[in-house]
Amino acid sequence: RALEDLCNKVWWHFVQNGGGLISISKRNPDAPWDLRVLAEKLRSEVRKATFEIPNREDIVDAFSRLLGENGQHTHWVYLNKGTHEENDREEFDQAIVDDIVRCLMQLDAAVQS
């Protein structure tokens, strides 16, 4: 839920600093937003924007650390495991959880200014 909220804040931060329309696809009208697709799109739009976005590097860095290059990145797997019951996975590694929290805090701080 924290990342969902922060994606909304990043989107508003993008718009308030000169960004325009961001298009996101959904699987069907009743489906919730695919959080990974939204986060990847926001990272991409913030990264390639031709206008000044305060704390751009912090936003892109935090998203990059959370998302990795594919859906099997450890941070993303942990975030996903938090929403799905998977008995075959081991307990969370505290260092990875700490880094996820740092990334979320970095995103939050980046859009507060």
N, C-alpha and C. Protein backbone atom coordinates (compact mmCIF):
# COMPACT_ATOMS: atom_id res chain seq x y z
N ARG A 1 0.82 -1.20 0.00
CA ARG A 1 0.00 0.00 0.00
C ARG A 1 0.86 1.26 0.00
N ALA A 2 1.99 1.21 0.66
CA ALA A 2 2.85 2.39 0.70
C ALA A 2 3.31 2.76 -0.70
N LEU A 3 3.71 1.77 -1.49
CA LEU A 3 4.17 2.06 -2.84
C LEU A 3 3.02 2.58 -3.70
N GLU A 4 1.83 2.04 -3.53
CA GLU A 4 0.67 2.55 -4.27
C GLU A 4 0.47 4.04 -3.98
N ASP A 5 0.49 4.40 -2.72
CA ASP A 5 0.32 5.80 -2.32
C ASP A 5 1.45 6.66 -2.87
N LEU A 6 2.67 6.17 -2.81
CA LEU A 6 3.80 6.94 -3.29
C LEU A 6 3.77 7.09 -4.81
N CYS A 7 3.26 6.10 -5.53
CA CYS A 7 3.12 6.25 -6.98
C CYS A 7 2.18 7.41 -7.30
N ASN A 8 1.09 7.51 -6.56
CA ASN A 8 0.17 8.63 -6.75
C ASN A 8 0.87 9.96 -6.47
N LYS A 9 1.66 10.01 -5.41
CA LYS A 9 2.38 11.24 -5.08
C LYS A 9 3.42 11.59 -6.14
N VAL A 10 4.11 10.59 -6.66
CA VAL A 10 5.09 10.84 -7.72
C VAL A 10 4.38 11.36 -8.97
N TRP A 11 3.24 10.78 -9.28
CA TRP A 11 2.48 11.22 -10.46
C TRP A 11 2.08 12.68 -10.29
N TRP A 12 1.56 13.05 -9.13
CA TRP A 12 1.20 14.45 -8.88
C TRP A 12 2.43 15.35 -8.93
N HIS A 13 3.54 14.91 -8.39
CA HIS A 13 4.80 15.66 -8.42
C HIS A 13 5.21 15.91 -9.88
N PHE A 14 5.07 14.89 -10.71
CA PHE A 14 5.37 14.99 -12.14
C PHE A 14 4.47 16.03 -12.80
N VAL A 15 3.18 15.97 -12.56
CA VAL A 15 2.21 16.89 -13.17
C VAL A 15 2.45 18.32 -12.68
N GLN A 16 2.66 18.49 -11.39
CA GLN A 16 2.83 19.83 -10.82
C GLN A 16 4.09 20.52 -11.30
N ASN A 17 5.03 19.76 -11.83
CA ASN A 17 6.28 20.35 -12.30
C ASN A 17 6.35 20.43 -13.82
N GLY A 18 5.21 20.24 -14.48
CA GLY A 18 5.16 20.44 -15.93
C GLY A 18 4.84 19.22 -16.74
N GLY A 19 4.66 18.08 -16.10
CA GLY A 19 4.35 16.85 -16.82
C GLY A 19 2.92 16.85 -17.32
N GLY A 20 2.69 16.09 -18.35
CA GLY A 20 1.36 15.99 -18.93
C GLY A 20 0.76 14.62 -18.72
N LEU A 21 0.06 14.19 -19.73
CA LEU A 21 -0.67 12.93 -19.70
C LEU A 21 0.28 11.74 -19.58
N ILE A 22 -0.08 10.80 -18.72
CA ILE A 22 0.62 9.52 -18.61
C ILE A 22 -0.42 8.44 -18.86
N SER A 23 -0.17 7.59 -19.83
CA SER A 23 -1.11 6.52 -20.18
C SER A 23 -0.68 5.21 -19.53
N ILE A 24 -1.64 4.58 -18.86
CA ILE A 24 -1.42 3.30 -18.20
C ILE A 24 -2.53 2.35 -18.65
N SER A 25 -2.18 1.15 -19.00
CA SER A 25 -3.17 0.16 -19.42
C SER A 25 -3.63 -0.67 -18.23
N LYS A 26 -4.89 -1.11 -18.31
CA LYS A 26 -5.45 -2.02 -17.32
C LYS A 26 -5.91 -3.27 -18.03
N ARG A 27 -5.91 -4.39 -17.32
CA ARG A 27 -6.31 -5.66 -17.92
C ARG A 27 -7.79 -5.68 -18.29
N ASN A 28 -8.63 -5.08 -17.45
CA ASN A 28 -10.04 -4.94 -17.73
C ASN A 28 -10.59 -3.80 -16.87
N PRO A 29 -11.80 -3.31 -17.16
CA PRO A 29 -12.32 -2.14 -16.44
C PRO A 29 -12.44 -2.31 -14.92
N ASP A 30 -12.66 -3.54 -14.47
CA ASP A 30 -12.83 -3.78 -13.04
C ASP A 30 -11.54 -4.09 -12.32
N ALA A 31 -10.47 -4.29 -13.06
CA ALA A 31 -9.19 -4.67 -12.46
C ALA A 31 -8.52 -3.47 -11.81
N PRO A 32 -7.81 -3.72 -10.72
CA PRO A 32 -7.03 -2.63 -10.13
C PRO A 32 -5.84 -2.31 -11.03
N TRP A 33 -5.22 -1.17 -10.79
CA TRP A 33 -4.00 -0.84 -11.52
C TRP A 33 -2.95 -1.90 -11.25
N ASP A 34 -2.19 -2.26 -12.26
CA ASP A 34 -1.04 -3.13 -12.09
C ASP A 34 0.07 -2.25 -11.55
N LEU A 35 0.41 -2.43 -10.29
CA LEU A 35 1.35 -1.54 -9.61
C LEU A 35 2.71 -1.53 -10.28
N ARG A 36 3.18 -2.67 -10.73
CA ARG A 36 4.49 -2.70 -11.40
C ARG A 36 4.47 -1.88 -12.68
N VAL A 37 3.43 -2.03 -13.49
CA VAL A 37 3.31 -1.26 -14.73
C VAL A 37 3.28 0.23 -14.41
N LEU A 38 2.52 0.62 -13.41
CA LEU A 38 2.44 2.02 -13.02
C LEU A 38 3.80 2.54 -12.56
N ALA A 39 4.48 1.81 -11.70
CA ALA A 39 5.79 2.24 -11.20
C ALA A 39 6.82 2.34 -12.32
N GLU A 40 6.81 1.37 -13.23
CA GLU A 40 7.75 1.41 -14.35
C GLU A 40 7.47 2.60 -15.26
N LYS A 41 6.20 2.88 -15.51
CA LYS A 41 5.82 4.01 -16.36
C LYS A 41 6.23 5.33 -15.71
N LEU A 42 5.99 5.46 -14.42
CA LEU A 42 6.39 6.68 -13.73
C LEU A 42 7.90 6.87 -13.76
N ARG A 43 8.64 5.80 -13.52
CA ARG A 43 10.10 5.88 -13.58
C ARG A 43 10.54 6.34 -14.96
N SER A 44 9.97 5.75 -15.99
CA SER A 44 10.32 6.09 -17.36
C SER A 44 10.00 7.55 -17.69
N GLU A 45 8.81 8.00 -17.32
CA GLU A 45 8.39 9.37 -17.62
C GLU A 45 9.22 10.40 -16.86
N VAL A 46 9.51 10.13 -15.61
CA VAL A 46 10.34 11.05 -14.82
C VAL A 46 11.75 11.08 -15.39
N ARG A 47 12.27 9.93 -15.73
CA ARG A 47 13.64 9.83 -16.26
C ARG A 47 13.80 10.61 -17.56
N LYS A 48 12.85 10.49 -18.48
CA LYS A 48 13.01 11.08 -19.81
C LYS A 48 12.43 12.49 -19.95
N ALA A 49 11.82 13.02 -18.90
CA ALA A 49 11.22 14.35 -18.98
C ALA A 49 12.26 15.39 -19.39
N THR A 50 11.85 16.32 -20.24
CA THR A 50 12.75 17.36 -20.73
C THR A 50 12.66 18.63 -19.89
N PHE A 51 11.86 18.62 -18.86
CA PHE A 51 11.71 19.76 -17.97
C PHE A 51 12.29 19.41 -16.60
N GLU A 52 12.48 20.43 -15.79
CA GLU A 52 13.08 20.23 -14.47
C GLU A 52 12.07 19.58 -13.51
N ILE A 53 12.48 18.48 -12.92
CA ILE A 53 11.68 17.79 -11.90
C ILE A 53 12.54 17.75 -10.64
N PRO A 54 12.11 18.44 -9.58
CA PRO A 54 12.89 18.38 -8.34
C PRO A 54 13.09 16.94 -7.87
N ASN A 55 14.29 16.62 -7.48
CA ASN A 55 14.64 15.30 -6.94
C ASN A 55 14.46 14.17 -7.94
N ARG A 56 14.59 14.47 -9.22
CA ARG A 56 14.44 13.48 -10.28
C ARG A 56 15.32 12.25 -10.03
N GLU A 57 16.58 12.48 -9.71
CA GLU A 57 17.52 11.36 -9.53
C GLU A 57 17.10 10.46 -8.37
N ASP A 58 16.61 11.07 -7.29
CA ASP A 58 16.17 10.27 -6.14
C ASP A 58 14.95 9.41 -6.49
N ILE A 59 14.04 9.97 -7.27
CA ILE A 59 12.84 9.23 -7.67
C ILE A 59 13.22 8.05 -8.57
N VAL A 60 14.02 8.33 -9.59
CA VAL A 60 14.42 7.28 -10.52
C VAL A 60 15.23 6.21 -9.81
N ASP A 61 16.15 6.63 -8.93
CA ASP A 61 16.98 5.66 -8.19
C ASP A 61 16.12 4.76 -7.30
N ALA A 62 15.19 5.34 -6.57
CA ALA A 62 14.34 4.53 -5.67
C ALA A 62 13.50 3.54 -6.47
N PHE A 63 12.86 4.00 -7.56
CA PHE A 63 12.08 3.09 -8.40
C PHE A 63 12.98 2.00 -8.97
N SER A 64 14.17 2.37 -9.44
CA SER A 64 15.07 1.39 -10.05
C SER A 64 15.49 0.32 -9.05
N ARG A 65 15.77 0.73 -7.82
CA ARG A 65 16.16 -0.25 -6.80
C ARG A 65 14.99 -1.15 -6.43
N LEU A 66 13.78 -0.62 -6.41
CA LEU A 66 12.61 -1.43 -6.07
C LEU A 66 12.22 -2.38 -7.20
N LEU A 67 12.28 -1.90 -8.43
CA LEU A 67 11.79 -2.67 -9.57
C LEU A 67 12.81 -3.63 -10.15
N GLY A 68 14.08 -3.22 -10.13
CA GLY A 68 15.08 -4.02 -10.82
C GLY A 68 14.80 -4.03 -12.30
N GLU A 69 15.33 -5.01 -13.00
CA GLU A 69 15.16 -5.08 -14.45
C GLU A 69 14.01 -5.99 -14.86
N ASN A 70 13.55 -6.83 -13.95
CA ASN A 70 12.45 -7.74 -14.29
C ASN A 70 11.66 -8.05 -13.03
N GLY A 71 10.59 -8.75 -13.17
CA GLY A 71 9.72 -9.04 -12.04
C GLY A 71 10.30 -9.99 -11.00
N GLN A 72 11.50 -10.53 -11.26
CA GLN A 72 12.10 -11.45 -10.30
C GLN A 72 13.15 -10.79 -9.41
N HIS A 73 13.31 -9.48 -9.51
CA HIS A 73 14.24 -8.77 -8.64
C HIS A 73 13.80 -8.97 -7.20
N THR A 74 14.73 -9.21 -6.31
CA THR A 74 14.42 -9.57 -4.93
C THR A 74 13.50 -8.56 -4.26
N HIS A 75 13.77 -7.27 -4.44
CA HIS A 75 12.93 -6.25 -3.82
C HIS A 75 11.48 -6.37 -4.29
N TRP A 76 11.31 -6.55 -5.60
CA TRP A 76 9.96 -6.65 -6.14
C TRP A 76 9.27 -7.93 -5.67
N VAL A 77 10.01 -9.01 -5.62
CA VAL A 77 9.45 -10.27 -5.14
C VAL A 77 8.95 -10.10 -3.70
N TYR A 78 9.72 -9.40 -2.88
CA TYR A 78 9.30 -9.16 -1.49
C TYR A 78 8.04 -8.31 -1.45
N LEU A 79 8.00 -7.24 -2.25
CA LEU A 79 6.80 -6.40 -2.27
C LEU A 79 5.59 -7.20 -2.73
N ASN A 80 5.78 -8.05 -3.72
CA ASN A 80 4.69 -8.86 -4.23
C ASN A 80 4.27 -9.91 -3.22
N LYS A 81 5.25 -10.50 -2.52
CA LYS A 81 4.93 -11.52 -1.52
C LYS A 81 4.09 -10.94 -0.40
N GLY A 82 4.24 -9.67 -0.14
CA GLY A 82 3.44 -9.03 0.90
C GLY A 82 1.96 -9.01 0.58
N THR A 83 1.60 -9.24 -0.69
CA THR A 83 0.20 -9.23 -1.07
C THR A 83 -0.33 -10.59 -1.49
N HIS A 84 0.55 -11.59 -1.57
CA HIS A 84 0.14 -12.94 -1.99
C HIS A 84 0.68 -13.96 -0.99
N GLU A 85 -0.15 -14.89 -0.63
CA GLU A 85 0.27 -15.96 0.28
C GLU A 85 1.05 -16.99 -0.52
N GLU A 86 2.31 -17.19 -0.16
CA GLU A 86 3.15 -18.15 -0.86
C GLU A 86 3.92 -18.96 0.18
N ASN A 87 3.43 -20.14 0.48
CA ASN A 87 4.03 -20.96 1.52
C ASN A 87 5.39 -21.52 1.15
N ASP A 88 5.72 -21.53 -0.14
CA ASP A 88 6.97 -22.15 -0.58
C ASP A 88 8.17 -21.19 -0.52
N ARG A 89 7.96 -19.96 -0.10
CA ARG A 89 9.05 -18.97 -0.04
C ARG A 89 9.55 -18.84 1.39
N GLU A 90 10.84 -18.56 1.50
CA GLU A 90 11.45 -18.40 2.82
C GLU A 90 11.07 -17.05 3.42
N GLU A 91 11.41 -16.88 4.69
CA GLU A 91 11.15 -15.62 5.39
C GLU A 91 11.94 -14.48 4.74
N PHE A 92 11.52 -13.27 5.02
CA PHE A 92 12.19 -12.10 4.48
C PHE A 92 13.57 -11.91 5.10
N ASP A 93 14.52 -11.45 4.29
CA ASP A 93 15.85 -11.08 4.75
C ASP A 93 15.77 -9.64 5.26
N GLN A 94 16.22 -9.41 6.49
CA GLN A 94 16.08 -8.09 7.11
C GLN A 94 16.80 -6.99 6.33
N ALA A 95 17.94 -7.28 5.75
CA ALA A 95 18.69 -6.26 5.00
C ALA A 95 17.91 -5.80 3.77
N ILE A 96 17.25 -6.74 3.10
CA ILE A 96 16.45 -6.38 1.92
C ILE A 96 15.22 -5.58 2.33
N VAL A 97 14.57 -5.99 3.41
CA VAL A 97 13.42 -5.25 3.91
C VAL A 97 13.84 -3.83 4.29
N ASP A 98 14.99 -3.69 4.95
CA ASP A 98 15.49 -2.35 5.31
C ASP A 98 15.72 -1.50 4.07
N ASP A 99 16.27 -2.09 3.00
CA ASP A 99 16.51 -1.33 1.78
C ASP A 99 15.19 -0.93 1.11
N ILE A 100 14.20 -1.81 1.13
CA ILE A 100 12.89 -1.47 0.59
C ILE A 100 12.31 -0.28 1.34
N VAL A 101 12.39 -0.30 2.65
CA VAL A 101 11.88 0.81 3.46
C VAL A 101 12.64 2.09 3.13
N ARG A 102 13.97 2.00 2.97
CA ARG A 102 14.77 3.18 2.60
C ARG A 102 14.32 3.73 1.23
N CYS A 103 14.05 2.85 0.28
CA CYS A 103 13.58 3.29 -1.04
C CYS A 103 12.23 4.01 -0.92
N LEU A 104 11.34 3.45 -0.14
CA LEU A 104 10.03 4.08 0.04
C LEU A 104 10.17 5.44 0.73
N MET A 105 11.04 5.51 1.71
CA MET A 105 11.28 6.79 2.39
C MET A 105 11.94 7.79 1.44
N GLN A 106 12.81 7.31 0.57
CA GLN A 106 13.47 8.18 -0.41
C GLN A 106 12.42 8.76 -1.38
N LEU A 107 11.51 7.93 -1.85
CA LEU A 107 10.43 8.41 -2.71
C LEU A 107 9.58 9.46 -1.99
N ASP A 108 9.21 9.15 -0.77
CA ASP A 108 8.39 10.07 0.02
C ASP A 108 9.08 11.41 0.20
N ALA A 109 10.34 11.39 0.56
CA ALA A 109 11.09 12.65 0.76
C ALA A 109 11.23 13.41 -0.57
N ALA A 110 11.40 12.70 -1.66
CA ALA A 110 11.60 13.35 -2.97
C ALA A 110 10.38 14.13 -3.43
N VAL A 111 9.20 13.68 -3.07
CA VAL A 111 8.00 14.37 -3.53
C VAL A 111 7.45 15.35 -2.51
N GLN A 112 8.07 15.44 -1.35
CA GLN A 112 7.62 16.38 -0.31
C GLN A 112 8.11 17.80 -0.54
N SER A 113 9.23 17.93 -1.27
CA SER A 113 9.82 19.26 -1.42
C SER A 113 9.22 20.02 -2.57
